Amino acid sequence: MLGFLVQAIITRWQRMIHDIGFIDSLSLTIAGYIHDNTDYCRMIRRNIVRYICLAQLLVSRELSIAVRKRFPTMDSIVSAVVID
């Protein structure tokens, strides 16, 4: 009985960690597809990753009280230079 409960808890945590959505693989994919070293391509890569980080921050704001306290409004996100 206890083993079933522990397995259910571990499975739930593993599913939550899997569903969070890390941006590492997406950032590497973007770097692979936009691989020119001109200033224009560097700016595009940078902006795409910044928008991905912003999207992750907005989702985290809805899920975490600590993140909501750190960024209570969109103005606080702008002042932290996450977006321009």
N, C-alpha and C. Protein backbone atom coordinates (compact mmCIF):
# COMPACT_ATOMS: atom_id res chain seq x y z
N MET A 1 0.82 -1.19 0.00
CA MET A 1 0.00 0.00 0.00
C MET A 1 0.87 1.26 0.00
N LEU A 2 1.89 1.28 0.83
CA LEU A 2 2.77 2.44 0.91
C LEU A 2 3.57 2.60 -0.38
N GLY A 3 3.98 1.48 -0.98
CA GLY A 3 4.72 1.55 -2.24
C GLY A 3 3.90 2.17 -3.35
N PHE A 4 2.62 1.87 -3.38
CA PHE A 4 1.74 2.46 -4.39
C PHE A 4 1.64 3.97 -4.21
N LEU A 5 1.52 4.43 -2.97
CA LEU A 5 1.43 5.86 -2.68
C LEU A 5 2.71 6.58 -3.08
N VAL A 6 3.85 6.01 -2.73
CA VAL A 6 5.13 6.62 -3.07
C VAL A 6 5.30 6.67 -4.59
N GLN A 7 4.92 5.61 -5.27
CA GLN A 7 5.02 5.59 -6.73
C GLN A 7 4.11 6.64 -7.35
N ALA A 8 2.92 6.82 -6.82
CA ALA A 8 1.99 7.83 -7.34
C ALA A 8 2.56 9.23 -7.15
N ILE A 9 3.16 9.49 -6.00
CA ILE A 9 3.74 10.82 -5.74
C ILE A 9 4.92 11.07 -6.66
N ILE A 10 5.79 10.09 -6.81
CA ILE A 10 6.96 10.26 -7.68
C ILE A 10 6.53 10.45 -9.13
N THR A 11 5.54 9.69 -9.57
CA THR A 11 5.04 9.84 -10.94
C THR A 11 4.46 11.23 -11.16
N ARG A 12 3.74 11.75 -10.17
CA ARG A 12 3.17 13.09 -10.29
C ARG A 12 4.26 14.14 -10.40
N TRP A 13 5.31 14.04 -9.58
CA TRP A 13 6.41 15.01 -9.65
C TRP A 13 7.15 14.91 -10.98
N GLN A 14 7.38 13.69 -11.45
CA GLN A 14 8.06 13.53 -12.74
C GLN A 14 7.24 14.13 -13.87
N ARG A 15 5.93 13.96 -13.83
CA ARG A 15 5.06 14.54 -14.86
C ARG A 15 5.09 16.06 -14.79
N MET A 16 5.10 16.63 -13.59
CA MET A 16 5.15 18.08 -13.45
C MET A 16 6.46 18.63 -14.00
N ILE A 17 7.57 17.99 -13.66
CA ILE A 17 8.88 18.44 -14.16
C ILE A 17 8.93 18.32 -15.68
N HIS A 18 8.37 17.27 -16.22
CA HIS A 18 8.37 17.07 -17.68
C HIS A 18 7.54 18.13 -18.38
N ASP A 19 6.45 18.56 -17.76
CA ASP A 19 5.52 19.50 -18.40
C ASP A 19 5.90 20.96 -18.21
N ILE A 20 6.92 21.26 -17.42
CA ILE A 20 7.28 22.66 -17.17
C ILE A 20 7.67 23.36 -18.46
N GLY A 21 8.46 22.75 -19.28
CA GLY A 21 8.84 23.36 -20.54
C GLY A 21 10.13 24.15 -20.42
N PHE A 22 11.23 23.48 -20.57
CA PHE A 22 12.53 24.14 -20.53
C PHE A 22 12.86 24.66 -21.92
N ILE A 23 13.55 25.77 -21.99
CA ILE A 23 13.79 26.42 -23.28
C ILE A 23 15.14 26.05 -23.88
N ASP A 24 15.89 25.19 -23.23
CA ASP A 24 17.23 24.86 -23.72
C ASP A 24 17.20 24.23 -25.11
N SER A 25 16.39 23.21 -25.28
CA SER A 25 16.37 22.52 -26.57
C SER A 25 15.82 23.42 -27.67
N LEU A 26 14.83 24.23 -27.35
CA LEU A 26 14.28 25.15 -28.34
C LEU A 26 15.31 26.21 -28.73
N SER A 27 16.07 26.70 -27.76
CA SER A 27 17.11 27.70 -28.06
C SER A 27 18.21 27.11 -28.94
N LEU A 28 18.59 25.87 -28.67
CA LEU A 28 19.60 25.22 -29.50
C LEU A 28 19.07 24.97 -30.91
N THR A 29 17.80 24.65 -31.03
CA THR A 29 17.20 24.46 -32.35
C THR A 29 17.20 25.76 -33.13
N ILE A 30 16.86 26.86 -32.47
CA ILE A 30 16.88 28.17 -33.13
C ILE A 30 18.29 28.52 -33.57
N ALA A 31 19.27 28.25 -32.72
CA ALA A 31 20.66 28.52 -33.08
C ALA A 31 21.10 27.66 -34.26
N GLY A 32 20.55 26.46 -34.38
CA GLY A 32 20.89 25.59 -35.50
C GLY A 32 20.28 26.04 -36.81
N TYR A 33 19.07 26.56 -36.76
CA TYR A 33 18.39 27.00 -37.98
C TYR A 33 18.82 28.39 -38.43
N ILE A 34 19.09 29.27 -37.49
CA ILE A 34 19.54 30.63 -37.83
C ILE A 34 21.00 30.71 -37.40
N HIS A 35 21.88 30.23 -38.26
CA HIS A 35 23.28 30.05 -37.86
C HIS A 35 24.24 31.07 -38.46
N ASP A 36 23.75 32.05 -39.17
CA ASP A 36 24.63 33.08 -39.73
C ASP A 36 25.11 34.00 -38.60
N ASN A 37 26.30 34.55 -38.72
CA ASN A 37 26.86 35.39 -37.66
C ASN A 37 26.74 36.87 -37.92
N THR A 38 25.83 37.27 -38.79
CA THR A 38 25.63 38.69 -39.02
C THR A 38 24.87 39.30 -37.84
N ASP A 39 24.94 40.61 -37.73
CA ASP A 39 24.23 41.29 -36.65
C ASP A 39 22.73 41.08 -36.73
N TYR A 40 22.20 41.04 -37.94
CA TYR A 40 20.77 40.86 -38.13
C TYR A 40 20.32 39.49 -37.60
N CYS A 41 21.05 38.43 -37.95
CA CYS A 41 20.69 37.08 -37.49
C CYS A 41 20.87 36.94 -35.98
N ARG A 42 21.89 37.56 -35.45
CA ARG A 42 22.11 37.53 -34.01
C ARG A 42 20.96 38.22 -33.28
N MET A 43 20.47 39.34 -33.85
CA MET A 43 19.36 40.06 -33.25
C MET A 43 18.08 39.22 -33.31
N ILE A 44 17.87 38.53 -34.42
CA ILE A 44 16.68 37.67 -34.54
C ILE A 44 16.72 36.54 -33.51
N ARG A 45 17.87 35.86 -33.40
CA ARG A 45 18.01 34.79 -32.42
C ARG A 45 17.76 35.30 -31.01
N ARG A 46 18.35 36.44 -30.70
CA ARG A 46 18.21 37.03 -29.37
C ARG A 46 16.76 37.37 -29.07
N ASN A 47 16.07 37.98 -30.02
CA ASN A 47 14.68 38.36 -29.78
C ASN A 47 13.76 37.14 -29.65
N ILE A 48 14.00 36.11 -30.44
CA ILE A 48 13.17 34.91 -30.33
C ILE A 48 13.34 34.28 -28.95
N VAL A 49 14.58 34.17 -28.49
CA VAL A 49 14.82 33.58 -27.17
C VAL A 49 14.25 34.47 -26.07
N ARG A 50 14.32 35.78 -26.23
CA ARG A 50 13.73 36.68 -25.23
C ARG A 50 12.22 36.50 -25.17
N TYR A 51 11.57 36.34 -26.32
CA TYR A 51 10.12 36.12 -26.32
C TYR A 51 9.76 34.78 -25.70
N ILE A 52 10.60 33.77 -25.92
CA ILE A 52 10.37 32.47 -25.30
C ILE A 52 10.51 32.58 -23.78
N CYS A 53 11.53 33.30 -23.33
CA CYS A 53 11.71 33.52 -21.89
C CYS A 53 10.53 34.28 -21.30
N LEU A 54 10.04 35.27 -22.04
CA LEU A 54 8.87 36.02 -21.58
C LEU A 54 7.65 35.11 -21.47
N ALA A 55 7.44 34.25 -22.44
CA ALA A 55 6.31 33.32 -22.39
C ALA A 55 6.43 32.39 -21.19
N GLN A 56 7.64 31.91 -20.93
CA GLN A 56 7.84 31.03 -19.79
C GLN A 56 7.61 31.79 -18.48
N LEU A 57 8.02 33.05 -18.44
CA LEU A 57 7.79 33.87 -17.25
C LEU A 57 6.30 34.10 -17.02
N LEU A 58 5.55 34.36 -18.08
CA LEU A 58 4.12 34.59 -17.94
C LEU A 58 3.39 33.34 -17.46
N VAL A 59 3.81 32.18 -17.94
CA VAL A 59 3.22 30.93 -17.46
C VAL A 59 3.61 30.69 -16.01
N SER A 60 4.86 30.94 -15.67
CA SER A 60 5.32 30.75 -14.29
C SER A 60 4.61 31.69 -13.33
N ARG A 61 4.28 32.88 -13.80
CA ARG A 61 3.53 33.83 -12.97
C ARG A 61 2.17 33.26 -12.57
N GLU A 62 1.56 32.51 -13.46
CA GLU A 62 0.25 31.93 -13.17
C GLU A 62 0.35 30.73 -12.24
N LEU A 63 1.51 30.07 -12.21
CA LEU A 63 1.64 28.84 -11.44
C LEU A 63 2.31 29.02 -10.09
N SER A 64 3.16 30.03 -9.95
CA SER A 64 3.98 30.16 -8.74
C SER A 64 3.68 31.46 -8.02
N ILE A 65 3.45 31.36 -6.73
CA ILE A 65 3.20 32.55 -5.92
C ILE A 65 4.47 33.38 -5.81
N ALA A 66 5.63 32.73 -5.71
CA ALA A 66 6.89 33.46 -5.59
C ALA A 66 7.17 34.30 -6.84
N VAL A 67 6.90 33.74 -8.00
CA VAL A 67 7.11 34.49 -9.24
C VAL A 67 6.08 35.60 -9.35
N ARG A 68 4.86 35.35 -8.91
CA ARG A 68 3.81 36.37 -8.94
C ARG A 68 4.19 37.54 -8.02
N LYS A 69 4.81 37.24 -6.86
CA LYS A 69 5.25 38.32 -5.97
C LYS A 69 6.39 39.10 -6.58
N ARG A 70 7.29 38.43 -7.30
CA ARG A 70 8.43 39.10 -7.92
C ARG A 70 7.99 39.97 -9.09
N PHE A 71 7.03 39.49 -9.87
CA PHE A 71 6.51 40.22 -11.03
C PHE A 71 4.99 40.35 -10.92
N PRO A 72 4.49 41.26 -10.07
CA PRO A 72 3.04 41.36 -9.89
C PRO A 72 2.31 41.99 -11.08
N THR A 73 2.98 42.85 -11.82
CA THR A 73 2.33 43.52 -12.95
C THR A 73 3.24 43.45 -14.17
N MET A 74 2.68 43.82 -15.31
CA MET A 74 3.49 43.88 -16.53
C MET A 74 4.54 44.98 -16.42
N ASP A 75 4.24 46.04 -15.68
CA ASP A 75 5.23 47.10 -15.49
C ASP A 75 6.46 46.60 -14.74
N SER A 76 6.28 45.69 -13.81
CA SER A 76 7.43 45.14 -13.09
C SER A 76 8.28 44.27 -14.01
N ILE A 77 7.66 43.61 -14.98
CA ILE A 77 8.41 42.82 -15.96
C ILE A 77 9.21 43.75 -16.87
N VAL A 78 8.59 44.85 -17.27
CA VAL A 78 9.28 45.82 -18.13
C VAL A 78 10.43 46.46 -17.37
N SER A 79 10.22 46.80 -16.10
CA SER A 79 11.29 47.45 -15.33
C SER A 79 12.44 46.50 -15.04
N ALA A 80 12.19 45.20 -15.05
CA ALA A 80 13.26 44.21 -14.86
C ALA A 80 13.97 43.92 -16.17
N VAL A 81 13.63 44.63 -17.24
CA VAL A 81 14.22 44.55 -18.57
C VAL A 81 14.07 43.14 -19.15
N VAL A 82 12.97 42.49 -18.83
CA VAL A 82 12.67 41.22 -19.49
C VAL A 82 12.12 41.51 -20.88
N ILE A 83 11.31 42.57 -20.98
CA ILE A 83 10.81 43.02 -22.28
C ILE A 83 11.04 44.51 -22.40
N ASP A 84 11.05 44.99 -23.62
CA ASP A 84 11.24 46.42 -23.87
C ASP A 84 9.92 47.12 -24.03
